[in-house]
Amino acid sequence: MDLGYTTEQDAFRTMVRAFLSEKLPASIAEKTRLGKRLSKADMETWHSILNEKGWLAPNWPKAYGGAEWDVVQRQIFEEEACFAHAPRVVPFGLTMLAPVLMKYGTEAQRQKFLPRILTGEDWWCQGYSEPGAGSDLAALKTRAVLDGDHYVVNGQKTWTTLGQHANWIFCLVRTNTEVKKQEGISFLLIDMKTPGVVVRPITLIDGDAEVNEVFFDNVRVPVENLVGEQDKGWTYAKYLLTHERTNIAGVGFSDAALRTLKHVAANTIAGGKPLSRNPHFAARVAQAEIDLMAMRTTNLRVVSAAAKGQAPGAESSMLKIKGTLLRQELTALLRRAAGPDAMPYLPDYLEGGDNADSMGPEHAPAAAPGYFNMRKLSIFGGSNEIQRTIISKAILDL
């Protein structure tokens, strides 16, 4: 693979950089840079700006309103967006559900839902994990029983990220209990305004309610909201997860985190000299940078395969493992670099309150919450232990 950039690609980078400089709101960029929490309005604002430009869905076909960028263009945009401290676009509708609808959904489903994902009229969340069915997702127990022209859904989903903002949820539900557990699962699209749907927040260690529990009590879902065939949802779920795992790796976000870490280490005095000159600390930073360089190449390979219509295989699992471990290492090093200033949780700082400017070094208050929040990366999207099993089966033919 040629890792250099052509004249046309360099021109594209210049165009992206100019757009971000002009259109990315400074207040949102500053929140992202310092690890502060984004409000729903912040996320919707950036979503709208990208959609107006036609850049919200870089991997979608133009026929559905996407930019239809090639793999290199998408890589360039991610690099520049992270460099400019643009927030991550909420992925559930754009990069997780949409590929499933394009490949397995009906034309009516595509015509109904894809435009509303772009406009932001629909905010999607993911209904996969359940109590007792996380990494072993096929053990899920939420039932959907066919009753005329509706499915009646009962059960519970958990760890539903940003479910408090969502008006639709794509769900895995059990529609057949008489077959092997992977073969009795279906993929349903559920309007969260339907009677019987209840969302309850889960407060995390940093005080944020980023995730939720979602309960279904005799929720009636029209049969036209079934994606693909009944009992074939496991196939669609695996296809979605390959896209999620590639996205979790977050090469651009790791690159931005590495730059922040180097800045903090260079300006932190330890033992009479900058922390960046401490041999042990510098060695860990250097190893992280080497890992990031290797991961960037692997990411290009995986996304390139997806651009050709291929669902990423074992490479996606490799990227998920390495990418999540690297992002965890970078947050761990930033917390170490911040030292005692990273100890307290400072909600006022994270929420951008009136006293936010008087809380010590600018990156320190978010270092500990960021460190703990990133612990989840090696679990969701299929735990890293599960990914190692996938790699073993795919490559070693075990």
Protein backbone atom coordinates (compact mmCIF):
# COMPACT_ATOMS: atom_id res chain seq x y z
CA MET A 1 0.00 0.00 0.00
CA ASP A 2 1.30 3.45 -0.95
CA LEU A 3 1.13 5.52 2.22
CA GLY A 4 2.02 8.78 0.48
CA TYR A 5 -0.58 11.33 -0.63
CA THR A 6 -1.23 12.51 -4.17
CA THR A 7 -1.56 16.14 -5.22
CA GLU A 8 -5.34 15.72 -5.33
CA GLN A 9 -5.39 14.25 -1.82
CA ASP A 10 -3.25 17.08 -0.47
CA ALA A 11 -5.69 19.55 -2.06
CA PHE A 12 -8.57 17.73 -0.38
CA ARG A 13 -6.80 18.02 2.98
CA THR A 14 -6.41 21.77 2.45
CA MET A 15 -10.13 22.07 1.67
CA VAL A 16 -11.09 20.10 4.79
CA ARG A 17 -8.78 22.19 6.95
CA ALA A 18 -10.29 25.42 5.64
CA PHE A 19 -13.83 24.16 6.24
CA LEU A 20 -13.07 23.18 9.82
CA SER A 21 -11.37 26.51 10.49
CA GLU A 22 -14.40 28.40 9.19
CA LYS A 23 -17.35 26.29 10.31
CA LEU A 24 -16.41 24.43 13.51
CA PRO A 25 -17.80 26.55 16.40
CA ALA A 26 -14.97 27.65 18.70
CA SER A 27 -17.00 26.87 21.82
CA ILE A 28 -17.52 23.25 20.73
CA ALA A 29 -13.88 22.83 19.72
CA GLU A 30 -12.72 24.16 23.10
CA LYS A 31 -14.98 21.76 24.99
CA THR A 32 -13.66 18.86 22.94
CA ARG A 33 -10.04 19.92 23.39
CA LEU A 34 -10.34 20.04 27.16
CA GLY A 35 -12.42 16.88 27.56
CA LYS A 36 -15.54 18.70 28.72
CA ARG A 37 -19.01 17.26 28.23
CA LEU A 38 -20.90 18.14 25.10
CA SER A 39 -24.60 18.93 25.40
CA LYS A 40 -27.21 17.48 23.08
CA ALA A 41 -27.42 20.91 21.43
CA ASP A 42 -23.65 20.87 20.80
CA MET A 43 -23.85 17.47 19.10
CA GLU A 44 -26.88 18.47 17.03
CA THR A 45 -25.18 21.71 15.96
CA TRP A 46 -22.12 19.92 14.58
CA HIS A 47 -24.33 17.26 12.97
CA SER A 48 -26.29 19.99 11.18
CA ILE A 49 -23.18 21.84 10.00
CA LEU A 50 -21.72 18.69 8.46
CA ASN A 51 -25.01 17.75 6.84
CA GLU A 52 -25.40 21.20 5.30
CA LYS A 53 -21.97 20.76 3.71
CA GLY A 54 -22.82 17.24 2.54
CA TRP A 55 -20.04 15.71 4.65
CA LEU A 56 -22.06 14.12 7.44
CA ALA A 57 -22.06 10.63 5.91
CA PRO A 58 -18.68 10.25 4.20
CA ASN A 59 -19.07 6.52 3.57
CA TRP A 60 -22.66 6.62 2.25
CA PRO A 61 -23.42 6.48 -1.49
CA LYS A 62 -24.38 9.81 -3.03
CA ALA A 63 -27.73 8.27 -3.99
CA TYR A 64 -28.65 8.29 -0.30
CA GLY A 65 -27.20 11.73 0.46
CA GLY A 66 -23.69 10.67 1.39
CA ALA A 67 -20.35 12.12 0.33
CA GLU A 68 -19.16 8.78 -1.12
CA TRP A 69 -15.55 9.50 -0.18
CA ASP A 70 -12.89 6.93 -0.77
CA VAL A 71 -10.91 5.42 2.09
CA VAL A 72 -8.09 7.95 1.89
CA GLN A 73 -10.46 10.92 1.93
CA ARG A 74 -12.18 9.56 5.01
CA GLN A 75 -8.84 9.04 6.72
CA ILE A 76 -7.78 12.59 5.89
CA PHE A 77 -11.03 14.04 7.21
CA GLU A 78 -10.74 12.10 10.47
CA GLU A 79 -7.16 13.28 10.96
CA GLU A 80 -8.01 16.92 10.30
CA ALA A 81 -11.22 16.85 12.36
CA CYS A 82 -9.34 15.48 15.36
CA PHE A 83 -6.52 17.97 14.86
CA ALA A 84 -9.13 20.79 14.91
CA HIS A 85 -10.81 19.27 18.00
CA ALA A 86 -14.08 18.56 16.25
CA PRO A 87 -16.34 16.28 18.30
CA ARG A 88 -17.07 12.74 17.23
CA VAL A 89 -20.37 12.52 15.35
CA VAL A 90 -22.88 10.29 17.15
CA PRO A 91 -22.37 7.01 15.27
CA PHE A 92 -25.46 4.89 15.95
CA GLY A 93 -27.57 5.96 12.99
CA LEU A 94 -24.84 7.09 10.62
CA THR A 95 -22.18 4.42 10.79
CA MET A 96 -23.89 1.48 12.49
CA LEU A 97 -27.55 1.23 11.47
CA ALA A 98 -27.26 2.82 8.02
CA PRO A 99 -24.87 0.19 6.58
CA VAL A 100 -27.25 -2.55 7.80
CA LEU A 101 -30.26 -0.87 6.16
CA MET A 102 -28.36 -0.35 2.91
CA LYS A 103 -27.34 -4.02 2.77
CA TYR A 104 -30.30 -5.85 4.36
CA GLY A 105 -33.20 -3.41 4.71
CA THR A 106 -36.12 -2.92 2.38
CA GLU A 107 -36.22 0.02 -0.02
CA ALA A 108 -39.12 1.42 2.00
CA GLN A 109 -36.99 1.31 5.16
CA ARG A 110 -34.09 3.02 3.39
CA GLN A 111 -36.33 5.74 1.97
CA LYS A 112 -37.95 6.34 5.35
CA PHE A 113 -35.03 6.26 7.74
CA LEU A 114 -31.86 7.30 5.90
CA PRO A 115 -32.96 10.90 5.11
CA ARG A 116 -34.11 11.35 8.74
CA ILE A 117 -30.73 10.19 10.02
CA LEU A 118 -29.09 12.91 7.93
CA THR A 119 -31.44 15.69 9.00
CA GLY A 120 -31.21 14.69 12.65
CA GLU A 121 -34.96 14.18 12.85
CA ASP A 122 -34.21 10.69 14.17
CA TRP A 123 -31.63 10.11 16.90
CA TRP A 124 -30.82 6.41 17.13
CA CYS A 125 -29.45 4.33 19.98
CA GLN A 126 -28.37 0.69 20.14
CA GLY A 127 -30.34 -2.03 21.92
CA TYR A 128 -27.90 -4.93 22.10
CA SER A 129 -26.54 -5.61 25.61
CA GLU A 130 -28.72 -6.95 28.41
CA PRO A 131 -28.09 -7.96 32.03
CA GLY A 132 -26.41 -11.33 31.54
CA ALA A 133 -25.92 -10.82 27.79
CA GLY A 134 -23.05 -8.48 27.10
CA SER A 135 -20.00 -10.11 25.58
CA ASP A 136 -22.12 -13.25 25.19
CA LEU A 137 -24.67 -11.28 23.21
CA ALA A 138 -26.43 -14.37 21.81
CA ALA A 139 -27.68 -15.08 25.35
CA LEU A 140 -30.12 -12.15 25.09
CA LYS A 141 -33.63 -12.75 26.45
CA THR A 142 -35.71 -9.80 25.27
CA ARG A 143 -38.65 -11.49 23.51
CA ALA A 144 -40.63 -10.42 20.47
CA VAL A 145 -43.79 -12.44 19.79
CA LEU A 146 -45.65 -12.03 16.51
CA ASP A 147 -49.25 -10.90 17.07
CA GLY A 148 -51.00 -10.18 13.79
CA ASP A 149 -49.22 -7.31 12.06
CA HIS A 150 -47.16 -6.39 15.15
CA TYR A 151 -44.43 -7.86 17.30
CA VAL A 152 -45.02 -7.58 21.05
CA VAL A 153 -41.70 -6.90 22.77
CA ASN A 154 -40.88 -7.53 26.44
CA GLY A 155 -37.48 -7.31 28.12
CA GLN A 156 -34.61 -5.03 29.06
CA LYS A 157 -31.55 -3.53 27.42
CA THR A 158 -28.66 -1.94 29.32
CA TRP A 159 -25.62 0.29 28.75
CA THR A 160 -27.62 2.12 26.07
CA THR A 161 -25.34 5.03 25.20
CA LEU A 162 -27.12 8.41 24.86
CA GLY A 163 -30.48 6.63 24.98
CA GLN A 164 -31.86 9.60 26.91
CA HIS A 165 -31.63 11.66 23.70
CA ALA A 166 -32.87 9.01 21.26
CA ASN A 167 -36.30 8.69 19.67
CA TRP A 168 -35.53 5.37 17.91
CA ILE A 169 -33.65 2.24 18.96
CA PHE A 170 -32.46 -0.68 16.83
CA CYS A 171 -32.82 -3.84 18.87
CA LEU A 172 -31.86 -7.49 18.85
CA VAL A 173 -34.81 -9.54 20.11
CA ARG A 174 -35.45 -13.24 20.49
CA THR A 175 -38.16 -14.50 18.14
CA ASN A 176 -37.47 -18.24 18.35
CA THR A 177 -36.55 -20.25 21.44
CA GLU A 178 -36.57 -23.67 19.76
CA VAL A 179 -33.30 -23.32 17.83
CA LYS A 180 -29.65 -22.63 18.60
CA LYS A 181 -29.52 -19.27 20.36
CA GLN A 182 -27.77 -17.44 17.48
CA GLU A 183 -30.45 -18.61 15.04
CA GLY A 184 -33.49 -17.31 16.91
CA ILE A 185 -32.68 -13.59 16.97
CA SER A 186 -34.29 -10.82 14.91
CA PHE A 187 -33.39 -7.17 14.24
CA LEU A 188 -36.19 -4.68 15.03
CA LEU A 189 -36.50 -0.91 14.70
CA ILE A 190 -38.49 0.50 17.62
CA ASP A 191 -39.97 3.96 18.06
CA MET A 192 -39.09 4.94 21.63
CA LYS A 193 -42.27 6.99 21.94
CA THR A 194 -44.28 3.75 21.76
CA PRO A 195 -46.23 3.02 24.98
CA GLY A 196 -44.34 0.62 27.21
CA VAL A 197 -40.82 1.94 26.51
CA VAL A 198 -39.11 3.33 29.65
CA VAL A 199 -35.60 4.80 29.82
CA ARG A 200 -33.72 5.01 33.12
CA PRO A 201 -30.28 6.64 33.44
CA ILE A 202 -27.23 4.86 34.86
CA THR A 203 -24.99 7.31 36.71
CA LEU A 204 -21.31 6.57 36.09
CA ILE A 205 -18.38 7.02 38.45
CA ASP A 206 -17.72 10.54 37.13
CA GLY A 207 -21.32 11.57 37.80
CA ASP A 208 -22.39 11.54 34.15
CA ALA A 209 -25.44 9.63 32.87
CA GLU A 210 -24.00 8.72 29.49
CA VAL A 211 -25.63 5.27 29.48
CA ASN A 212 -29.09 3.99 30.30
CA GLU A 213 -31.36 1.04 30.90
CA VAL A 214 -34.26 0.62 28.49
CA PHE A 215 -37.31 -1.45 29.45
CA PHE A 216 -39.95 -2.85 27.11
CA ASP A 217 -43.36 -3.75 28.56
CA ASN A 218 -45.72 -5.16 25.88
CA VAL A 219 -44.35 -2.75 23.29
CA ARG A 220 -46.09 -3.18 19.93
CA VAL A 221 -43.81 -2.86 16.91
CA PRO A 222 -45.14 -2.97 13.33
CA VAL A 223 -43.87 -5.94 11.30
CA GLU A 224 -42.57 -3.55 8.63
CA ASN A 225 -39.93 -2.51 11.20
CA LEU A 226 -38.30 -5.94 10.98
CA VAL A 227 -34.97 -5.66 9.13
CA GLY A 228 -34.31 -8.56 6.79
CA GLU A 229 -35.75 -11.94 7.71
CA GLN A 230 -37.12 -13.10 11.04
CA ASP A 231 -34.58 -15.16 13.03
CA LYS A 232 -31.69 -13.94 10.85
CA GLY A 233 -30.77 -10.94 13.02
CA TRP A 234 -27.51 -12.47 14.23
CA THR A 235 -26.11 -12.11 10.70
CA TYR A 236 -27.05 -8.43 10.60
CA ALA A 237 -25.72 -7.87 14.12
CA LYS A 238 -22.31 -9.29 13.20
CA TYR A 239 -22.19 -7.09 10.11
CA LEU A 240 -22.99 -4.02 12.22
CA LEU A 241 -20.41 -4.93 14.86
CA THR A 242 -17.58 -5.10 12.31
CA HIS A 243 -18.28 -1.45 11.47
CA GLU A 244 -18.56 -0.53 15.17
CA ARG A 245 -15.26 -2.23 16.03
CA THR A 246 -13.41 -0.40 13.27
CA ASN A 247 -14.92 2.87 14.52
CA ILE A 248 -13.98 2.17 18.16
CA ALA A 249 -10.28 2.00 17.23
CA GLY A 250 -10.35 5.79 16.76
CA VAL A 251 -7.01 6.43 15.06
CA GLY A 252 -7.66 10.14 14.80
CA PHE A 253 -8.70 10.44 18.43
CA SER A 254 -5.56 8.59 19.51
CA ASP A 255 -3.50 10.99 17.42
CA ALA A 256 -5.14 13.98 19.15
CA ALA A 257 -4.68 12.36 22.57
CA LEU A 258 -0.99 11.78 21.85
CA ARG A 259 -0.48 15.45 20.96
CA THR A 260 -2.21 16.51 24.19
CA LEU A 261 -0.10 14.08 26.21
CA LYS A 262 3.14 15.38 24.71
CA HIS A 263 2.11 18.97 25.44
CA VAL A 264 1.24 18.21 29.07
CA ALA A 265 4.41 16.15 29.62
CA ALA A 266 6.61 18.89 28.17
CA ASN A 267 5.07 21.45 30.53
CA THR A 268 5.01 19.32 33.70
CA ILE A 269 8.09 19.61 35.90
CA ALA A 270 9.06 16.44 37.76
CA GLY A 271 12.35 16.15 39.60
CA GLY A 272 13.51 19.52 38.34
CA LYS A 273 13.00 18.75 34.64
CA PRO A 274 10.10 18.28 32.20
CA LEU A 275 8.32 14.95 32.56
CA SER A 276 8.92 14.35 28.85
CA ARG A 277 12.64 13.92 29.67
CA ASN A 278 12.00 11.20 32.22
CA PRO A 279 13.40 8.05 30.51
CA HIS A 280 10.69 5.67 31.74
CA PHE A 281 7.82 8.02 30.87
CA ALA A 282 9.37 8.97 27.52
CA ALA A 283 9.76 5.29 26.61
CA ARG A 284 6.06 4.63 27.21
CA VAL A 285 5.10 7.65 25.10
CA ALA A 286 7.44 6.49 22.32
CA GLN A 287 5.93 2.99 22.36
CA ALA A 288 2.44 4.48 22.13
CA GLU A 289 3.50 6.55 19.14
CA ILE A 290 4.98 3.49 17.39
CA ASP A 291 1.77 1.55 18.04
CA LEU A 292 -0.28 4.41 16.62
CA MET A 293 1.76 4.45 13.41
CA ALA A 294 1.21 0.71 12.93
CA MET A 295 -2.48 1.01 13.75
CA ARG A 296 -3.00 3.80 11.21
CA THR A 297 -1.77 1.46 8.46
CA THR A 298 -4.01 -1.37 9.64
CA ASN A 299 -6.98 1.00 9.78
CA LEU A 300 -6.43 1.94 6.13
CA ARG A 301 -6.47 -1.73 5.18
CA VAL A 302 -9.70 -2.48 7.07
CA VAL A 303 -11.62 0.57 5.89
CA SER A 304 -10.40 -0.04 2.33
CA ALA A 305 -11.98 -3.50 2.43
CA ALA A 306 -15.24 -2.02 3.73
CA ALA A 307 -15.20 0.54 0.90
CA LYS A 308 -15.20 -2.34 -1.59
CA GLY A 309 -18.32 -3.78 -0.02
CA GLN A 310 -16.54 -6.36 2.09
CA ALA A 311 -17.40 -6.76 5.76
CA PRO A 312 -14.10 -6.55 7.67
CA GLY A 313 -13.08 -9.87 9.18
CA ALA A 314 -10.37 -10.76 11.66
CA GLU A 315 -8.53 -7.53 10.83
CA SER A 316 -11.41 -5.57 12.34
CA SER A 317 -11.01 -7.53 15.58
CA MET A 318 -7.25 -6.90 15.59
CA LEU A 319 -7.82 -3.20 15.10
CA LYS A 320 -10.43 -3.12 17.86
CA ILE A 321 -8.05 -4.77 20.35
CA LYS A 322 -5.02 -2.65 19.54
CA GLY A 323 -6.96 0.57 19.15
CA THR A 324 -8.76 0.30 22.48
CA LEU A 325 -5.62 -0.67 24.38
CA LEU A 326 -3.77 2.28 22.87
CA ARG A 327 -6.51 4.76 23.76
CA GLN A 328 -6.52 3.40 27.32
CA GLU A 329 -2.74 3.72 27.54
CA LEU A 330 -2.86 7.35 26.38
CA THR A 331 -5.46 8.29 29.00
CA ALA A 332 -3.46 6.46 31.66
CA LEU A 333 -0.32 8.41 30.73
CA LEU A 334 -2.21 11.71 30.72
CA ARG A 335 -3.54 10.97 34.21
CA ARG A 336 0.00 10.23 35.38
CA ALA A 337 1.27 13.43 33.77
CA ALA A 338 -1.43 15.50 35.48
CA GLY A 339 -0.39 14.04 38.84
CA PRO A 340 -2.29 15.17 41.96
CA ASP A 341 -4.29 17.69 39.90
CA ALA A 342 -6.11 14.75 38.27
CA MET A 343 -7.37 13.34 41.58
CA PRO A 344 -10.65 15.19 42.15
CA TYR A 345 -13.76 14.91 40.02
CA LEU A 346 -14.82 18.41 39.10
CA PRO A 347 -18.35 18.44 37.65
CA ASP A 348 -18.32 22.24 37.39
CA TYR A 349 -15.29 22.04 35.11
CA LEU A 350 -16.66 19.21 32.99
CA GLU A 351 -19.98 20.98 32.55
CA GLY A 352 -18.29 24.30 31.78
CA GLY A 353 -19.60 26.07 34.89
CA ASP A 354 -18.71 29.50 36.24
CA ASN A 355 -15.76 28.24 38.29
CA ALA A 356 -14.26 26.17 35.45
CA ASP A 357 -11.36 28.55 34.88
CA SER A 358 -10.02 28.31 38.43
CA MET A 359 -9.50 24.57 38.65
CA GLY A 360 -5.81 24.09 37.95
CA PRO A 361 -4.03 23.06 34.73
CA GLU A 362 -6.47 23.00 31.84
CA HIS A 363 -6.29 19.28 30.99
CA ALA A 364 -5.95 17.97 34.55
CA PRO A 365 -9.61 18.00 35.74
CA ALA A 366 -10.74 15.81 32.81
CA ALA A 367 -7.80 13.38 33.05
CA ALA A 368 -9.27 11.02 35.66
CA PRO A 369 -12.83 10.95 34.24
CA GLY A 370 -11.35 10.35 30.79
CA TYR A 371 -9.18 7.54 32.12
CA PHE A 372 -12.10 5.75 33.78
CA ASN A 373 -14.47 6.31 30.86
CA MET A 374 -12.01 4.70 28.45
CA ARG A 375 -12.01 1.47 30.50
CA LYS A 376 -15.21 0.59 28.64
CA LEU A 377 -13.50 0.49 25.25
CA SER A 378 -12.05 -2.99 25.71
CA ILE A 379 -15.49 -4.29 26.69
CA PHE A 380 -18.16 -2.87 24.40
CA GLY A 381 -18.41 -3.72 20.72
CA GLY A 382 -17.41 -7.24 21.73
CA SER A 383 -14.85 -7.57 24.53
CA ASN A 384 -11.19 -7.92 23.60
CA GLU A 385 -11.24 -11.47 24.94
CA ILE A 386 -14.02 -12.31 22.48
CA GLN A 387 -12.05 -10.62 19.69
CA ARG A 388 -9.06 -12.86 20.38
CA THR A 389 -11.32 -15.89 20.02
CA ILE A 390 -12.63 -14.53 16.69
CA ILE A 391 -9.08 -14.04 15.46
CA SER A 392 -8.09 -17.56 16.52
CA LYS A 393 -11.03 -19.13 14.72
CA ALA A 394 -10.64 -17.04 11.57
CA ILE A 395 -6.88 -17.23 11.14
CA LEU A 396 -5.75 -20.36 12.95
CA ASP A 397 -8.84 -22.34 11.84
CA LEU A 398 -9.50 -23.58 15.36
